[in-house]
Amino acid sequence: MLTAIYIALLLVSIGLIVVVLMQAKGSGLGGIFGSDPGVYKTRRGVEKTIFNLTIVLAVLFLALDMLAVLLSS
């Protein structure tokens, strides 16, 4: 049982890394060199889906991690 949770944790963490890296496309290094930080905009379409998927994967990772800690002790 614990092995299955560890495998699920590994898969969720890889998915979370990929989703976060996909999300960071607009942040760049422009702020370091004095460019305008940008205008507030709403997330739409794929960007909103990726944002929501990030939240779901983060909550799932936290829940799996807590479950693994409870079962290992």
Protein backbone atom coordinates (compact mmCIF):
# COMPACT_ATOMS: atom_id res chain seq x y z
CA MET A 1 0.00 0.00 0.00
CA LEU A 2 2.75 2.41 0.94
CA THR A 3 4.64 1.62 -2.26
CA ALA A 4 1.59 2.58 -4.32
CA ILE A 5 1.34 5.89 -2.47
CA TYR A 6 5.04 6.58 -3.10
CA ILE A 7 4.59 5.87 -6.81
CA ALA A 8 1.53 8.15 -6.90
CA LEU A 9 3.55 10.85 -5.10
CA LEU A 10 6.29 10.54 -7.69
CA LEU A 11 3.87 10.83 -10.60
CA VAL A 12 1.99 13.77 -9.07
CA SER A 13 5.25 15.58 -8.31
CA ILE A 14 6.47 15.16 -11.90
CA GLY A 15 3.11 16.42 -13.16
CA LEU A 16 3.27 19.38 -10.80
CA ILE A 17 6.77 20.29 -11.99
CA VAL A 18 5.68 20.14 -15.63
CA VAL A 19 2.57 22.25 -15.04
CA VAL A 20 4.47 24.90 -13.07
CA LEU A 21 7.13 25.13 -15.77
CA MET A 22 4.44 25.53 -18.42
CA GLN A 23 2.89 28.32 -16.37
CA ALA A 24 6.06 30.39 -15.99
CA LYS A 25 6.24 31.45 -19.65
CA GLY A 26 5.37 35.12 -19.10
CA SER A 27 7.43 35.92 -16.03
CA GLY A 28 10.88 36.21 -17.68
CA LEU A 29 13.76 38.37 -16.48
CA GLY A 30 12.31 41.65 -17.73
CA GLY A 31 11.64 42.95 -14.23
CA ILE A 32 15.33 42.80 -13.35
CA PHE A 33 16.29 45.23 -16.09
CA GLY A 34 13.64 47.81 -15.30
CA SER A 35 10.87 46.95 -17.73
CA ASP A 36 7.25 47.39 -16.79
CA PRO A 37 6.02 44.45 -14.67
CA GLY A 38 2.91 44.23 -16.85
CA VAL A 39 -0.76 44.89 -16.61
CA TYR A 40 -3.12 42.75 -14.61
CA LYS A 41 -4.96 40.35 -16.86
CA THR A 42 -7.43 37.58 -16.29
CA ARG A 43 -6.60 33.98 -17.09
CA ARG A 44 -8.57 32.53 -19.97
CA GLY A 45 -8.67 29.30 -21.90
CA VAL A 46 -5.65 27.04 -21.59
CA GLU A 47 -3.92 29.36 -19.12
CA LYS A 48 -6.85 29.08 -16.71
CA THR A 49 -6.95 25.30 -17.13
CA ILE A 50 -3.23 25.01 -16.37
CA PHE A 51 -3.65 27.26 -13.32
CA ASN A 52 -6.52 25.15 -11.98
CA LEU A 53 -4.60 21.95 -12.70
CA THR A 54 -1.67 23.34 -10.68
CA ILE A 55 -3.94 23.88 -7.69
CA VAL A 56 -5.47 20.40 -7.98
CA LEU A 57 -2.07 18.72 -8.27
CA ALA A 58 -0.68 20.69 -5.31
CA VAL A 59 -3.62 19.70 -3.09
CA LEU A 60 -3.35 16.09 -4.26
CA PHE A 61 0.38 16.08 -3.52
CA LEU A 62 -0.23 17.44 -0.04
CA ALA A 63 -2.96 14.87 0.67
CA LEU A 64 -0.83 11.98 -0.58
CA ASP A 65 2.13 13.17 1.44
CA MET A 66 0.07 13.36 4.63
CA LEU A 67 -1.34 9.91 3.94
CA ALA A 68 2.14 8.50 3.42
CA VAL A 69 3.32 9.99 6.71
CA LEU A 70 0.32 8.61 8.58
CA LEU A 71 0.71 5.12 7.11
CA SER A 72 4.48 4.95 7.61
CA SER A 73 4.31 5.55 11.35
